[in-house]
Amino acid sequence: MFTGIVDGKATITNVVQNGSISTFSIDLEGFTEGLEIGASVALDGVCMTVVSLDGCIAKFDAIEETLGKSTMGNKKTGDIVNIERSLKLGDELGGHILSGHILTKARIMARDHVDDGISLVLENPDSCRPFILEKGYIAVDGMSLTVGEVSEDVFHLYIIPETIRVTTIGDKQVGQEVNIEVDSRTQAIVETMMRMEENK
């Protein structure tokens, strides 16, 4: 489990494809304390398992399902990803509970500077449209964010300077895709209400 409070950024040092599986080598310098093979780490919000560890270089395998549903399928050597270590008992919950299971990708439609922050407009994908609500939670590339205005086609996000400093969001440009994980509690409530409505 994760909180959506990103620990920092890390560089992909190598990507090797073997059939339908891609192996990502990530330089986790500064994030390896207590890290062991089998541990879960969120890479741009995608829950991945450490399969090998050599100093600060950790390797992660991604299957075809993960590569297709998330932006990991487009990552290459030299790319930077958001890093979050898994939640430990007693850790402060500063964001909201995340599983690291990406629902879909969304394209950035517009970007503007607002004082020292950034305003982003993202497309509202069909698969998660019912679960994206104004003032609700959403995870974008692993970052726990509060949704701004929502319409049928797009939703708005407002990014504070600290989030820009710690994460990759400040480098994202119009046309790029980001990973989307909706709030599981919101999803459960909305799906229950939809089922009740269908059964009337």
C-alpha atoms as a PDB file:
ATOM      1  CA  MET A   1       0.000   0.000   0.000  1.00  0.00           C
ATOM      2  CA  PHE A   2       1.060   3.584  -0.642  1.00  0.00           C
ATOM      3  CA  THR A   3      -0.003   7.097   0.372  1.00  0.00           C
ATOM      4  CA  GLY A   4       0.618   9.115  -2.777  1.00  0.00           C
ATOM      5  CA  ILE A   5       3.221  11.230  -0.978  1.00  0.00           C
ATOM      6  CA  VAL A   6       6.125  10.788  -3.378  1.00  0.00           C
ATOM      7  CA  ASP A   7       9.545  10.317  -1.757  1.00  0.00           C
ATOM      8  CA  GLY A   8      11.446  11.758  -4.699  1.00  0.00           C
ATOM      9  CA  LYS A   9      12.638  11.091  -8.234  1.00  0.00           C
ATOM     10  CA  ALA A  10      14.867   8.335  -9.654  1.00  0.00           C
ATOM     11  CA  THR A  11      16.497   7.625 -12.999  1.00  0.00           C
ATOM     12  CA  ILE A  12      15.921   4.583 -15.202  1.00  0.00           C
ATOM     13  CA  THR A  13      19.423   3.322 -15.977  1.00  0.00           C
ATOM     14  CA  ASN A  14      18.435   0.486 -18.314  1.00  0.00           C
ATOM     15  CA  VAL A  15      15.424  -1.199 -19.912  1.00  0.00           C
ATOM     16  CA  VAL A  16      15.641  -4.762 -21.220  1.00  0.00           C
ATOM     17  CA  GLN A  17      12.765  -6.455 -23.030  1.00  0.00           C
ATOM     18  CA  ASN A  18      12.495 -10.241 -22.908  1.00  0.00           C
ATOM     19  CA  GLY A  19       9.384 -11.379 -24.738  1.00  0.00           C
ATOM     20  CA  SER A  20       6.360  -9.800 -23.063  1.00  0.00           C
ATOM     21  CA  ILE A  21       8.316  -8.775 -19.943  1.00  0.00           C
ATOM     22  CA  SER A  22      10.378  -5.615 -19.580  1.00  0.00           C
ATOM     23  CA  THR A  23      13.009  -5.300 -16.845  1.00  0.00           C
ATOM     24  CA  PHE A  24      13.687  -1.808 -15.549  1.00  0.00           C
ATOM     25  CA  SER A  25      16.886  -0.935 -13.710  1.00  0.00           C
ATOM     26  CA  ILE A  26      16.341   2.067 -11.429  1.00  0.00           C
ATOM     27  CA  ASP A  27      18.952   4.069  -9.522  1.00  0.00           C
ATOM     28  CA  LEU A  28      17.387   4.280  -6.065  1.00  0.00           C
ATOM     29  CA  GLU A  29      20.239   6.104  -4.393  1.00  0.00           C
ATOM     30  CA  GLY A  30      18.852   7.677  -1.236  1.00  0.00           C
ATOM     31  CA  PHE A  31      15.807   5.383  -1.137  1.00  0.00           C
ATOM     32  CA  THR A  32      17.345   1.966  -0.360  1.00  0.00           C
ATOM     33  CA  GLU A  33      17.359   1.919   3.458  1.00  0.00           C
ATOM     34  CA  GLY A  34      15.831  -1.409   4.497  1.00  0.00           C
ATOM     35  CA  LEU A  35      15.017  -2.266   0.870  1.00  0.00           C
ATOM     36  CA  GLU A  36      15.046  -5.993   0.090  1.00  0.00           C
ATOM     37  CA  ILE A  37      14.246  -8.255  -2.831  1.00  0.00           C
ATOM     38  CA  GLY A  38      10.480  -8.753  -2.886  1.00  0.00           C
ATOM     39  CA  ALA A  39       9.720  -5.273  -1.562  1.00  0.00           C
ATOM     40  CA  SER A  40       7.087  -3.125  -3.267  1.00  0.00           C
ATOM     41  CA  VAL A  41       8.012   0.250  -4.726  1.00  0.00           C
ATOM     42  CA  ALA A  42       5.747   2.597  -6.675  1.00  0.00           C
ATOM     43  CA  LEU A  43       7.278   3.820  -9.945  1.00  0.00           C
ATOM     44  CA  ASP A  44       5.150   6.672 -11.313  1.00  0.00           C
ATOM     45  CA  GLY A  45       2.357   5.181  -9.214  1.00  0.00           C
ATOM     46  CA  VAL A  46       2.763   1.629 -10.548  1.00  0.00           C
ATOM     47  CA  CYS A  47       3.274  -0.967  -7.804  1.00  0.00           C
ATOM     48  CA  MET A  48       6.403  -2.925  -8.770  1.00  0.00           C
ATOM     49  CA  THR A  49       8.376  -5.653  -6.995  1.00  0.00           C
ATOM     50  CA  VAL A  50      12.129  -5.544  -6.496  1.00  0.00           C
ATOM     51  CA  VAL A  51      13.515  -8.633  -8.289  1.00  0.00           C
ATOM     52  CA  SER A  52      17.214  -7.891  -7.731  1.00  0.00           C
ATOM     53  CA  LEU A  53      19.298  -5.344  -5.847  1.00  0.00           C
ATOM     54  CA  ASP A  54      22.925  -4.402  -6.545  1.00  0.00           C
ATOM     55  CA  GLY A  55      23.980  -1.485  -4.408  1.00  0.00           C
ATOM     56  CA  CYS A  56      21.513   1.307  -5.205  1.00  0.00           C
ATOM     57  CA  ILE A  57      20.435  -0.253  -8.533  1.00  0.00           C
ATOM     58  CA  ALA A  58      17.137  -2.117  -8.199  1.00  0.00           C
ATOM     59  CA  LYS A  59      15.523  -4.135 -10.978  1.00  0.00           C
ATOM     60  CA  PHE A  60      11.785  -4.477 -11.558  1.00  0.00           C
ATOM     61  CA  ASP A  61       9.891  -6.699 -14.001  1.00  0.00           C
ATOM     62  CA  ALA A  62       6.764  -5.413 -15.749  1.00  0.00           C
ATOM     63  CA  ILE A  63       4.374  -7.731 -17.567  1.00  0.00           C
ATOM     64  CA  GLU A  64       2.421  -6.885 -20.706  1.00  0.00           C
ATOM     65  CA  GLU A  65      -0.710  -5.871 -18.746  1.00  0.00           C
ATOM     66  CA  THR A  66       1.280  -3.307 -16.749  1.00  0.00           C
ATOM     67  CA  LEU A  67       3.085  -2.006 -19.817  1.00  0.00           C
ATOM     68  CA  GLY A  68      -0.179  -1.536 -21.696  1.00  0.00           C
ATOM     69  CA  LYS A  69      -2.243   0.110 -18.960  1.00  0.00           C
ATOM     70  CA  SER A  70       0.462   2.439 -17.662  1.00  0.00           C
ATOM     71  CA  THR A  71       3.102   4.757 -19.049  1.00  0.00           C
ATOM     72  CA  MET A  72       5.800   2.224 -18.115  1.00  0.00           C
ATOM     73  CA  GLY A  73       5.391   0.773 -21.600  1.00  0.00           C
ATOM     74  CA  ASN A  74       6.864   3.965 -23.056  1.00  0.00           C
ATOM     75  CA  LYS A  75       9.728   4.435 -20.602  1.00  0.00           C
ATOM     76  CA  LYS A  76      13.330   4.349 -21.793  1.00  0.00           C
ATOM     77  CA  THR A  77      16.824   4.637 -20.364  1.00  0.00           C
ATOM     78  CA  GLY A  78      17.407   8.090 -18.874  1.00  0.00           C
ATOM     79  CA  ASP A  79      13.767   8.772 -18.063  1.00  0.00           C
ATOM     80  CA  ILE A  80      12.912  10.011 -14.557  1.00  0.00           C
ATOM     81  CA  VAL A  81      10.141   8.436 -12.477  1.00  0.00           C
ATOM     82  CA  ASN A  82       8.439   9.265  -9.186  1.00  0.00           C
ATOM     83  CA  ILE A  83       9.405   6.946  -6.331  1.00  0.00           C
ATOM     84  CA  GLU A  84       7.430   5.957  -3.264  1.00  0.00           C
ATOM     85  CA  ARG A  85       8.401   3.176  -0.880  1.00  0.00           C
ATOM     86  CA  SER A  86       5.511   1.085   0.452  1.00  0.00           C
ATOM     87  CA  LEU A  87       3.643   2.167   3.567  1.00  0.00           C
ATOM     88  CA  LYS A  88       4.947   0.806   6.864  1.00  0.00           C
ATOM     89  CA  LEU A  89       2.976   0.320  10.077  1.00  0.00           C
ATOM     90  CA  GLY A  90       3.133   3.572  12.025  1.00  0.00           C
ATOM     91  CA  ASP A  91       3.958   5.779   9.022  1.00  0.00           C
ATOM     92  CA  GLU A  92       2.097   9.072   8.740  1.00  0.00           C
ATOM     93  CA  LEU A  93      -0.740   8.913   6.205  1.00  0.00           C
ATOM     94  CA  GLY A  94      -0.405  12.292   4.532  1.00  0.00           C
ATOM     95  CA  GLY A  95      -2.170  11.563   1.246  1.00  0.00           C
ATOM     96  CA  HIS A  96      -4.723   8.811   0.690  1.00  0.00           C
ATOM     97  CA  ILE A  97      -4.490   5.022   0.522  1.00  0.00           C
ATOM     98  CA  LEU A  98      -3.300   3.741  -2.857  1.00  0.00           C
ATOM     99  CA  SER A  99      -2.763   0.227  -4.170  1.00  0.00           C
ATOM    100  CA  GLY A 100      -0.473   1.088  -7.055  1.00  0.00           C
ATOM    101  CA  HIS A 101      -2.882  -0.586  -9.500  1.00  0.00           C
ATOM    102  CA  ILE A 102      -3.230   1.819 -12.414  1.00  0.00           C
ATOM    103  CA  LEU A 103      -6.704   2.047 -13.906  1.00  0.00           C
ATOM    104  CA  THR A 104      -5.749   3.864 -17.097  1.00  0.00           C
ATOM    105  CA  LYS A 105      -3.690   6.664 -18.637  1.00  0.00           C
ATOM    106  CA  ALA A 106      -4.825  10.245 -19.276  1.00  0.00           C
ATOM    107  CA  ARG A 107      -3.421  12.856 -21.637  1.00  0.00           C
ATOM    108  CA  ILE A 108      -2.467  16.364 -20.500  1.00  0.00           C
ATOM    109  CA  MET A 109      -4.658  18.749 -22.498  1.00  0.00           C
ATOM    110  CA  ALA A 110      -3.479  22.113 -21.133  1.00  0.00           C
ATOM    111  CA  ARG A 111      -0.898  23.534 -18.760  1.00  0.00           C
ATOM    112  CA  ASP A 112      -0.577  27.008 -17.241  1.00  0.00           C
ATOM    113  CA  HIS A 113       1.540  28.627 -14.550  1.00  0.00           C
ATOM    114  CA  VAL A 114      -0.400  30.031 -11.601  1.00  0.00           C
ATOM    115  CA  ASP A 115       1.960  32.076  -9.388  1.00  0.00           C
ATOM    116  CA  ASP A 116       4.589  29.479  -8.369  1.00  0.00           C
ATOM    117  CA  GLY A 117       2.292  26.542  -9.060  1.00  0.00           C
ATOM    118  CA  ILE A 118       0.903  24.825 -12.146  1.00  0.00           C
ATOM    119  CA  SER A 119      -2.640  24.336 -13.397  1.00  0.00           C
ATOM    120  CA  LEU A 120      -3.173  21.183 -15.470  1.00  0.00           C
ATOM    121  CA  VAL A 121      -6.155  20.078 -17.516  1.00  0.00           C
ATOM    122  CA  LEU A 122      -6.332  16.302 -18.109  1.00  0.00           C
ATOM    123  CA  GLU A 123      -8.642  14.321 -20.330  1.00  0.00           C
ATOM    124  CA  ASN A 124     -11.397  12.493 -18.447  1.00  0.00           C
ATOM    125  CA  PRO A 125     -11.136   8.882 -19.667  1.00  0.00           C
ATOM    126  CA  ASP A 126     -14.333   6.838 -20.062  1.00  0.00           C
ATOM    127  CA  SER A 127     -13.075   4.073 -17.764  1.00  0.00           C
ATOM    128  CA  CYS A 128     -12.702   6.334 -14.724  1.00  0.00           C
ATOM    129  CA  ARG A 129     -15.129   9.191 -15.510  1.00  0.00           C
ATOM    130  CA  PRO A 130     -17.727   8.167 -12.869  1.00  0.00           C
ATOM    131  CA  PHE A 131     -15.060   8.145 -10.139  1.00  0.00           C
ATOM    132  CA  ILE A 132     -13.441  11.539 -10.780  1.00  0.00           C
ATOM    133  CA  LEU A 133     -15.343  14.016  -8.632  1.00  0.00           C
ATOM    134  CA  GLU A 134     -14.660  17.646  -7.790  1.00  0.00           C
ATOM    135  CA  LYS A 135     -12.775  17.885  -4.483  1.00  0.00           C
ATOM    136  CA  GLY A 136     -12.221  14.117  -4.568  1.00  0.00           C
ATOM    137  CA  TYR A 137      -8.878  12.335  -4.445  1.00  0.00           C
ATOM    138  CA  ILE A 138      -6.969  11.011  -7.441  1.00  0.00           C
ATOM    139  CA  ALA A 139      -3.444   9.679  -7.954  1.00  0.00           C
ATOM    140  CA  VAL A 140      -1.549  10.991 -10.978  1.00  0.00           C
ATOM    141  CA  ASP A 141       1.821   9.306 -11.592  1.00  0.00           C
ATOM    142  CA  GLY A 142       1.635   8.212  -7.958  1.00  0.00           C
ATOM    143  CA  MET A 143       0.933  11.683  -6.542  1.00  0.00           C
ATOM    144  CA  SER A 144      -2.064  12.077  -4.250  1.00  0.00           C
ATOM    145  CA  LEU A 145      -3.925  15.130  -5.580  1.00  0.00           C
ATOM    146  CA  THR A 146      -7.264  16.843  -5.073  1.00  0.00           C
ATOM    147  CA  VAL A 147      -9.442  17.170  -8.152  1.00  0.00           C
ATOM    148  CA  GLY A 148     -10.530  20.655  -9.213  1.00  0.00           C
ATOM    149  CA  GLU A 149     -13.309  21.366 -11.701  1.00  0.00           C
ATOM    150  CA  VAL A 150     -14.675  18.360 -13.592  1.00  0.00           C
ATOM    151  CA  SER A 151     -16.548  18.200 -16.889  1.00  0.00           C
ATOM    152  CA  GLU A 152     -17.579  15.370 -19.179  1.00  0.00           C
ATOM    153  CA  ASP A 153     -14.337  15.596 -21.148  1.00  0.00           C
ATOM    154  CA  VAL A 154     -11.671  16.965 -18.787  1.00  0.00           C
ATOM    155  CA  PHE A 155     -10.732  17.582 -15.158  1.00  0.00           C
ATOM    156  CA  HIS A 156      -8.453  20.164 -13.560  1.00  0.00           C
ATOM    157  CA  LEU A 157      -5.546  19.823 -11.138  1.00  0.00           C
ATOM    158  CA  TYR A 158      -3.655  22.521  -9.265  1.00  0.00           C
ATOM    159  CA  ILE A 159      -0.082  21.648  -8.323  1.00  0.00           C
ATOM    160  CA  ILE A 160       1.697  23.406  -5.447  1.00  0.00           C
ATOM    161  CA  PRO A 161       5.414  24.344  -5.615  1.00  0.00           C
ATOM    162  CA  GLU A 162       6.522  21.617  -3.177  1.00  0.00           C
ATOM    163  CA  THR A 163       4.929  18.911  -5.316  1.00  0.00           C
ATOM    164  CA  ILE A 164       6.636  20.382  -8.381  1.00  0.00           C
ATOM    165  CA  ARG A 165       9.987  20.314  -6.566  1.00  0.00           C
ATOM    166  CA  VAL A 166       9.777  16.710  -5.345  1.00  0.00           C
ATOM    167  CA  THR A 167       8.111  15.027  -8.330  1.00  0.00           C
ATOM    168  CA  THR A 168       8.293  14.862 -12.126  1.00  0.00           C
ATOM    169  CA  ILE A 169       5.035  16.761 -12.658  1.00  0.00           C
ATOM    170  CA  GLY A 170       6.789  20.055 -13.389  1.00  0.00           C
ATOM    171  CA  ASP A 171       8.419  18.530 -16.473  1.00  0.00           C
ATOM    172  CA  LYS A 172       5.197  17.164 -17.970  1.00  0.00           C
ATOM    173  CA  GLN A 173       4.046  18.851 -21.159  1.00  0.00           C
ATOM    174  CA  VAL A 174       0.791  19.076 -23.114  1.00  0.00           C
ATOM    175  CA  GLY A 175       0.211  15.851 -25.029  1.00  0.00           C
ATOM    176  CA  GLN A 176       2.064  13.605 -22.580  1.00  0.00           C
ATOM    177  CA  GLU A 177       0.238  10.816 -20.756  1.00  0.00           C
ATOM    178  CA  VAL A 178       0.157  10.200 -17.003  1.00  0.00           C
ATOM    179  CA  ASN A 179      -0.937   7.232 -14.909  1.00  0.00           C
ATOM    180  CA  ILE A 180      -4.316   7.417 -13.193  1.00  0.00           C
ATOM    181  CA  GLU A 181      -5.449   5.579 -10.061  1.00  0.00           C
ATOM    182  CA  VAL A 182      -8.826   6.618  -8.702  1.00  0.00           C
ATOM    183  CA  ASP A 183      -9.651   6.647  -5.005  1.00  0.00           C
ATOM    184  CA  SER A 184     -10.739   3.106  -4.096  1.00  0.00           C
ATOM    185  CA  ARG A 185     -13.358   4.265  -1.578  1.00  0.00           C
ATOM    186  CA  THR A 186     -14.948   6.586  -4.117  1.00  0.00           C
ATOM    187  CA  GLN A 187     -14.892   3.805  -6.708  1.00  0.00           C
ATOM    188  CA  ALA A 188     -16.563   1.340  -4.325  1.00  0.00           C
ATOM    189  CA  ILE A 189     -19.324   3.790  -3.349  1.00  0.00           C
ATOM    190  CA  VAL A 190     -20.046   4.866  -6.929  1.00  0.00           C
ATOM    191  CA  GLU A 191     -20.081   1.287  -8.237  1.00  0.00           C
ATOM    192  CA  THR A 192     -22.445   0.230  -5.428  1.00  0.00           C
ATOM    193  CA  MET A 193     -24.811   3.089  -6.250  1.00  0.00           C
ATOM    194  CA  MET A 194     -24.673   2.236  -9.957  1.00  0.00           C
ATOM    195  CA  ARG A 195     -25.542  -1.412  -9.233  1.00  0.00           C
ATOM    196  CA  MET A 196     -28.435  -0.351  -6.991  1.00  0.00           C
ATOM    197  CA  GLU A 197     -29.749   1.918  -9.748  1.00  0.00           C
ATOM    198  CA  GLU A 198     -29.522  -0.905 -12.314  1.00  0.00           C
ATOM    199  CA  ASN A 199     -31.453  -3.273 -10.014  1.00  0.00           C
ATOM    200  CA  LYS A 200     -34.369  -0.903  -9.451  1.00  0.00           C
END
